[in-house]
């Protein structure tokens, strides 16, 4: 039996297009993923980026859940240190009340942006210099279950709405800390191999070995998130890799960017400096035709002892994105028709 397959949407804005188009495309892609039999569709949180339309993933969760019927919709993730735990608890209880049993709350530790923008979000030097993530998570869980110790100032608080609980919580990460923390907390874990592929196997295996059952989850459940590039021919694969490399080289250089169109990419030659940057920090994407990519991802997931796979792609063109979710679903053996 094939592992469950899910999708992480970074809501890339193609050069010359708009955020409205990117978000409309995300909705259409989620509907296609549902028809194809994907398990989840998650949205990421990023800020201060002209090439992404993902500043408020919880809004996209609500929107896409309204335009689908069975697929789980969630965040991959909400960057918890950017927000008050009470606000997150309220937002996701409302989402759970609107769409019972279909919402996921994925939480991240990083700011999802640069230092200046993180400060604008967090508003204090303490929030910038201290690792408040463990304390913020503990506060979020205590608010949800009303488990603050006697005398705690937040103990009287009833999260609104009060008659539902938070949806399943997943901790996201790309480091040894994230895996260990998820295991100790007894929560689901999603490893971002599209960010740090070399650490995926040891961290995900360690999470499984060290998992401690909790009131939130009795057994471990790990999701391997991996970036893919799918083309029908070797020439098309190289063309798509070039598009991604153009954007990735600008990301490494700290330059604002939108992913180029096919035409723009054909007219762009990367400089020797950009090529050297890519050589030193190569992309973690798995690329090839659908069968080759699927085979590699399956092997990778088995090595990680993953319970589920979540693919993503940096390709901004909707036709390319639809090909990715469709062809991978077919090779994966998903049951369509939902």
Protein backbone atom coordinates (compact mmCIF):
# COMPACT_ATOMS: atom_id res chain seq x y z
CA UNK A 1 0.00 0.00 0.00
CA UNK A 2 1.39 3.41 -1.01
CA UNK A 3 2.15 5.99 1.64
CA UNK A 4 -0.29 8.91 1.83
CA UNK A 5 0.73 11.74 -0.50
CA UNK A 6 0.18 15.43 0.23
CA UNK A 7 1.16 18.81 -1.22
CA UNK A 8 2.81 21.94 0.23
CA UNK A 9 2.00 25.13 -1.68
CA UNK A 10 4.45 28.06 -1.51
CA UNK A 11 2.11 30.16 -3.73
CA UNK A 12 4.82 31.31 -6.11
CA UNK A 13 3.99 34.39 -8.21
CA UNK A 14 5.27 33.99 -11.76
CA UNK A 15 7.13 37.00 -13.13
CA UNK A 16 4.68 39.43 -14.74
CA UNK A 17 1.69 37.86 -13.02
CA UNK A 18 -0.13 38.87 -9.81
CA UNK A 19 -0.85 37.53 -6.35
CA UNK A 20 -4.53 37.21 -7.29
CA UNK A 21 -3.63 34.84 -10.09
CA UNK A 22 -1.23 32.88 -7.86
CA UNK A 23 -3.87 32.42 -5.16
CA UNK A 24 -6.54 31.48 -7.69
CA UNK A 25 -4.12 28.95 -9.16
CA UNK A 26 -3.48 27.54 -5.68
CA UNK A 27 -7.20 26.98 -5.22
CA UNK A 28 -7.44 25.20 -8.54
CA UNK A 29 -4.40 23.07 -7.75
CA UNK A 30 -5.90 22.08 -4.40
CA UNK A 31 -9.10 21.02 -6.14
CA UNK A 32 -7.06 18.94 -8.58
CA UNK A 33 -5.11 17.38 -5.69
CA UNK A 34 -8.39 16.44 -4.02
CA UNK A 35 -9.69 14.78 -7.18
CA UNK A 36 -6.44 12.86 -7.53
CA UNK A 37 -6.56 11.50 -3.98
CA UNK A 38 -4.02 13.62 -2.10
CA UNK A 39 -4.39 13.53 1.69
CA UNK A 40 -3.48 17.11 2.68
CA UNK A 41 -2.89 20.49 1.09
CA UNK A 42 -0.81 22.88 3.19
CA UNK A 43 0.19 26.55 2.85
CA UNK A 44 3.42 28.10 4.09
CA UNK A 45 3.98 31.42 5.87
CA UNK A 46 6.52 33.80 4.34
CA UNK A 47 6.93 37.56 4.60
CA UNK A 48 8.66 40.43 2.75
CA UNK A 49 8.81 38.55 -0.53
CA UNK A 50 7.59 39.93 -3.85
CA UNK A 51 7.56 36.44 -5.31
CA UNK A 52 5.25 34.74 -2.81
CA UNK A 53 1.61 35.30 -1.91
CA UNK A 54 1.72 33.41 1.40
CA UNK A 55 1.79 36.01 4.15
CA UNK A 56 -1.40 34.69 5.79
CA UNK A 57 -1.71 30.93 5.28
CA UNK A 58 -4.68 30.67 7.63
CA UNK A 59 -6.73 32.76 5.19
CA UNK A 60 -5.87 30.38 2.36
CA UNK A 61 -6.78 27.43 4.58
CA UNK A 62 -10.25 28.89 5.08
CA UNK A 63 -10.65 29.75 1.41
CA UNK A 64 -9.47 26.42 0.02
CA UNK A 65 -11.46 24.44 2.58
CA UNK A 66 -14.53 26.29 1.33
CA UNK A 67 -13.74 25.28 -2.25
CA UNK A 68 -13.00 21.60 -1.54
CA UNK A 69 -14.89 18.85 0.23
CA UNK A 70 -12.69 16.04 1.49
CA UNK A 71 -8.98 16.90 1.39
CA UNK A 72 -7.40 18.06 4.66
CA UNK A 73 -6.23 21.69 4.49
CA UNK A 74 -3.62 23.19 6.80
CA UNK A 75 -0.54 25.25 7.40
CA UNK A 76 2.99 24.22 6.71
CA UNK A 77 3.25 26.19 8.74
CA UNK A 78 2.26 29.05 10.96
CA UNK A 79 5.47 30.52 12.37
CA UNK A 80 4.49 30.46 16.04
CA UNK A 81 7.01 33.05 17.36
CA UNK A 82 5.42 35.62 15.02
CA UNK A 83 2.03 35.31 16.74
CA UNK A 84 0.36 35.25 20.14
CA UNK A 85 -0.62 31.66 21.04
CA UNK A 86 -4.11 32.78 22.06
CA UNK A 87 -4.70 34.26 18.61
CA UNK A 88 -3.51 31.07 16.90
CA UNK A 89 -5.76 29.01 19.17
CA UNK A 90 -8.78 31.15 18.30
CA UNK A 91 -8.10 31.19 14.55
CA UNK A 92 -7.69 27.44 14.28
CA UNK A 93 -10.62 26.62 16.53
CA UNK A 94 -12.79 28.73 14.23
CA UNK A 95 -11.39 26.86 11.23
CA UNK A 96 -12.03 23.53 12.94
CA UNK A 97 -15.60 24.59 13.76
CA UNK A 98 -16.17 25.59 10.13
CA UNK A 99 -14.62 22.43 8.68
CA UNK A 100 -14.68 19.68 11.35
CA UNK A 101 -12.07 16.99 10.84
CA UNK A 102 -10.43 18.64 7.81
CA UNK A 103 -8.00 21.18 9.29
CA UNK A 104 -4.31 20.75 10.23
CA UNK A 105 -2.24 23.14 12.33
CA UNK A 106 1.40 22.95 11.31
CA UNK A 107 3.71 25.10 13.45
CA UNK A 108 7.18 26.38 12.68
CA UNK A 109 9.97 27.93 14.72
CA UNK A 110 11.69 30.16 12.14
CA UNK A 111 10.43 33.66 11.27
CA UNK A 112 9.83 32.86 7.62
CA UNK A 113 11.55 36.09 6.64
CA UNK A 114 14.55 38.36 7.22
CA UNK A 115 15.58 39.81 10.58
CA UNK A 116 14.11 43.29 10.04
CA UNK A 117 10.72 41.94 9.00
CA UNK A 118 10.75 39.49 11.89
CA UNK A 119 11.27 42.42 14.25
CA UNK A 120 8.34 44.26 12.65
CA UNK A 121 6.20 41.18 13.32
CA UNK A 122 7.42 40.41 16.84
CA UNK A 123 7.86 43.97 18.12
CA UNK A 124 10.44 43.32 20.83
CA UNK A 125 14.14 42.63 21.20
CA UNK A 126 13.39 39.76 23.58
CA UNK A 127 11.30 38.04 20.92
CA UNK A 128 14.21 38.39 18.49
CA UNK A 129 17.04 37.23 20.76
CA UNK A 130 15.40 34.46 22.81
CA UNK A 131 14.15 31.06 21.68
CA UNK A 132 10.59 31.39 22.92
CA UNK A 133 9.25 28.59 20.73
CA UNK A 134 9.07 25.88 23.44
CA UNK A 135 7.34 28.24 25.86
CA UNK A 136 4.93 29.49 23.19
CA UNK A 137 4.02 25.93 22.21
CA UNK A 138 3.46 24.99 25.84
CA UNK A 139 1.21 28.03 26.21
CA UNK A 140 -0.77 27.13 23.09
CA UNK A 141 -1.33 23.56 24.29
CA UNK A 142 -2.28 24.72 27.77
CA UNK A 143 -4.77 27.21 26.35
CA UNK A 144 -6.37 24.49 24.24
CA UNK A 145 -6.64 21.88 27.00
CA UNK A 146 -7.01 24.36 29.89
CA UNK A 147 -4.09 22.76 31.71
CA UNK A 148 -2.41 25.82 33.19
CA UNK A 149 -1.34 25.24 36.80
CA UNK A 150 -3.43 26.79 39.55
CA UNK A 151 -2.66 30.45 39.92
CA UNK A 152 -1.39 30.95 36.39
CA UNK A 153 -2.72 34.29 35.05
CA UNK A 154 -4.04 32.63 31.88
CA UNK A 155 -5.84 29.79 33.67
CA UNK A 156 -9.29 31.50 33.59
CA UNK A 157 -9.19 32.02 29.81
CA UNK A 158 -11.69 30.18 27.63
CA UNK A 159 -10.48 30.11 24.05
CA UNK A 160 -13.22 31.27 21.68
CA UNK A 161 -15.04 29.27 20.38
CA UNK A 162 -15.05 27.22 23.57
CA UNK A 163 -16.86 24.09 22.38
CA UNK A 164 -14.18 22.81 19.95
CA UNK A 165 -10.51 21.94 20.34
CA UNK A 166 -7.57 22.64 18.10
CA UNK A 167 -7.15 20.45 15.03
CA UNK A 168 -4.19 18.01 14.91
CA UNK A 169 -0.90 19.78 15.56
CA UNK A 170 2.25 19.13 13.55
CA UNK A 171 5.65 20.56 14.33
CA UNK A 172 7.76 21.51 11.33
CA UNK A 173 11.51 21.70 11.11
CA UNK A 174 14.75 20.98 9.29
CA UNK A 175 17.11 20.38 12.21
CA UNK A 176 17.96 17.88 14.93
CA UNK A 177 16.30 20.18 17.47
CA UNK A 178 12.97 20.06 15.63
CA UNK A 179 12.89 16.27 15.52
CA UNK A 180 13.86 15.87 19.17
CA UNK A 181 11.40 18.55 20.27
CA UNK A 182 8.54 16.96 18.33
CA UNK A 183 9.32 13.54 19.81
CA UNK A 184 9.46 14.89 23.37
CA UNK A 185 6.21 16.83 22.88
CA UNK A 186 4.40 13.76 21.53
CA UNK A 187 3.25 15.54 18.38
CA UNK A 188 3.30 14.84 14.65
CA UNK A 189 6.45 15.92 12.82
CA UNK A 190 7.08 17.18 9.30
CA UNK A 191 10.71 17.38 8.18
CA UNK A 192 11.54 19.99 5.53
CA UNK A 193 13.87 18.02 3.29
CA UNK A 194 13.35 20.70 0.63
CA UNK A 195 15.41 22.91 2.96
CA UNK A 196 17.87 20.47 4.54
CA UNK A 197 17.81 17.19 2.66
CA UNK A 198 21.03 15.68 4.15
CA UNK A 199 19.62 15.64 7.70
CA UNK A 200 16.28 14.07 6.83
CA UNK A 201 17.17 10.42 7.41
CA UNK A 202 18.88 10.69 10.83
CA UNK A 203 16.42 13.26 12.21
CA UNK A 204 13.28 11.41 11.11
CA UNK A 205 14.56 8.08 12.38
CA UNK A 206 15.50 9.67 15.69
CA UNK A 207 12.03 11.21 16.00
CA UNK A 208 10.45 7.78 15.64
CA UNK A 209 12.84 6.13 18.10
CA UNK A 210 12.48 8.80 20.78
CA UNK A 211 8.76 9.58 20.43
CA UNK A 212 6.95 9.90 23.76
CA UNK A 213 3.17 9.29 23.68
CA UNK A 214 1.07 12.24 24.78
CA UNK A 215 -2.55 13.29 25.12
CA UNK A 216 -2.27 14.63 21.57
CA UNK A 217 -0.84 11.56 19.85
CA UNK A 218 -0.25 7.99 21.02
CA UNK A 219 2.08 6.98 18.18
CA UNK A 220 4.60 8.87 16.03
CA UNK A 221 3.64 10.15 12.61
CA UNK A 222 6.26 11.76 10.39
CA UNK A 223 5.84 13.55 7.08
CA UNK A 224 8.72 13.89 4.64
CA UNK A 225 8.41 17.18 2.73
CA UNK A 226 10.43 17.13 -0.48
CA UNK A 227 10.76 19.44 -3.49
CA UNK A 228 10.32 17.96 -6.96
CA UNK A 229 10.76 19.05 -10.56
CA UNK A 230 8.95 16.89 -13.13
CA UNK A 231 9.37 17.04 -16.89
CA UNK A 232 8.39 14.74 -19.72
CA UNK A 233 11.78 14.75 -21.44
CA UNK A 234 15.37 15.34 -20.28
CA UNK A 235 15.34 18.63 -22.20
CA UNK A 236 12.19 19.81 -20.44
CA UNK A 237 13.58 18.79 -17.05
CA UNK A 238 16.69 20.89 -17.68
CA UNK A 239 14.56 23.83 -18.79
CA UNK A 240 12.53 23.63 -15.58
CA UNK A 241 15.66 23.25 -13.45
CA UNK A 242 17.00 26.42 -15.08
CA UNK A 243 13.86 28.32 -14.06
CA UNK A 244 14.25 27.15 -10.46
CA UNK A 245 18.00 27.86 -10.44
CA UNK A 246 17.45 31.44 -11.57
CA UNK A 247 15.13 32.07 -8.64
CA UNK A 248 17.22 30.11 -6.18
CA UNK A 249 20.39 32.01 -7.11
CA UNK A 250 18.61 35.28 -6.32
CA UNK A 251 17.35 33.86 -3.03
CA UNK A 252 20.91 32.90 -2.05
CA UNK A 253 22.10 36.39 -2.97
CA UNK A 254 19.34 38.00 -0.91
CA UNK A 255 17.80 39.72 -3.94
CA UNK A 256 14.05 40.28 -4.40
CA UNK A 257 12.75 38.06 -7.17
CA UNK A 258 9.85 36.38 -8.88
CA UNK A 259 10.31 33.07 -10.65
CA UNK A 260 10.81 33.72 -14.38
CA UNK A 261 8.48 32.59 -17.12
CA UNK A 262 9.66 29.98 -19.60
CA UNK A 263 10.42 32.71 -22.14
CA UNK A 264 12.38 34.81 -19.66
CA UNK A 265 14.36 31.78 -18.51
CA UNK A 266 15.35 30.92 -22.08
CA UNK A 267 16.73 34.44 -22.43
CA UNK A 268 18.62 34.35 -19.10
CA UNK A 269 22.18 33.13 -18.62
CA UNK A 270 23.37 32.80 -15.05
CA UNK A 271 26.56 34.68 -14.21
CA UNK A 272 29.72 32.87 -13.06
CA UNK A 273 29.08 34.23 -9.55
CA UNK A 274 25.52 32.87 -9.54
CA UNK A 275 26.71 29.50 -10.82
CA UNK A 276 29.34 29.35 -8.08
CA UNK A 277 26.69 30.13 -5.45
CA UNK A 278 24.55 27.30 -6.79
CA UNK A 279 27.54 24.98 -6.73
CA UNK A 280 28.20 25.77 -3.08
CA UNK A 281 24.52 25.56 -2.08
CA UNK A 282 22.83 23.19 -4.52
CA UNK A 283 19.06 22.84 -4.59
CA UNK A 284 17.56 19.93 -2.64
CA UNK A 285 14.99 19.25 -5.35
CA UNK A 286 14.53 15.79 -6.82
CA UNK A 287 14.15 16.04 -10.58
CA UNK A 288 13.45 13.89 -13.62
CA UNK A 289 10.42 12.37 -15.31
CA UNK A 290 7.48 11.34 -13.12
CA UNK A 291 8.60 7.72 -12.72
CA UNK A 292 12.19 8.60 -11.86
CA UNK A 293 11.10 11.24 -9.34
CA UNK A 294 8.53 8.93 -7.76
CA UNK A 295 11.03 6.10 -7.44
CA UNK A 296 13.58 8.40 -5.78
CA UNK A 297 11.01 9.87 -3.41
CA UNK A 298 9.74 6.41 -2.43
CA UNK A 299 13.28 5.25 -1.67
CA UNK A 300 14.00 8.43 0.27
CA UNK A 301 10.80 8.04 2.31
CA UNK A 302 11.65 4.42 3.13
CA UNK A 303 15.13 5.43 4.31
CA UNK A 304 13.56 8.13 6.51
CA UNK A 305 10.92 5.70 7.85
CA UNK A 306 8.33 8.31 6.89
CA UNK A 307 4.62 7.70 7.41
CA UNK A 308 3.65 10.15 4.69
CA UNK A 309 5.18 12.18 1.86
CA UNK A 310 4.42 15.82 1.08
CA UNK A 311 5.71 17.13 -2.22
CA UNK A 312 6.23 20.75 -3.16
CA UNK A 313 7.58 22.50 -6.22
CA UNK A 314 9.06 25.94 -6.84
CA UNK A 315 7.72 25.98 -10.40
CA UNK A 316 5.41 29.00 -10.72
CA UNK A 317 3.60 28.12 -13.96
CA UNK A 318 0.23 26.49 -13.38
CA UNK A 319 0.60 24.05 -16.25
CA UNK A 320 3.88 22.80 -14.77
CA UNK A 321 2.37 22.55 -11.29
CA UNK A 322 -0.63 20.59 -12.55
CA UNK A 323 1.69 18.20 -14.34
CA UNK A 324 3.60 17.63 -11.11
CA UNK A 325 0.56 16.79 -8.97
CA UNK A 326 -1.10 14.74 -11.73
CA UNK A 327 1.83 12.65 -12.89
CA UNK A 328 3.19 12.00 -9.41
CA UNK A 329 -0.30 10.92 -8.25
CA UNK A 330 -0.52 8.47 -11.15
CA UNK A 331 2.92 7.01 -10.50
CA UNK A 332 2.23 6.92 -6.75
CA UNK A 333 -0.90 4.85 -7.28
CA UNK A 334 -3.38 7.22 -5.66
CA UNK A 335 -7.06 6.43 -5.96
CA UNK A 336 -8.70 9.34 -7.78
CA UNK A 337 -12.33 10.29 -8.05
CA UNK A 338 -12.87 12.01 -4.72
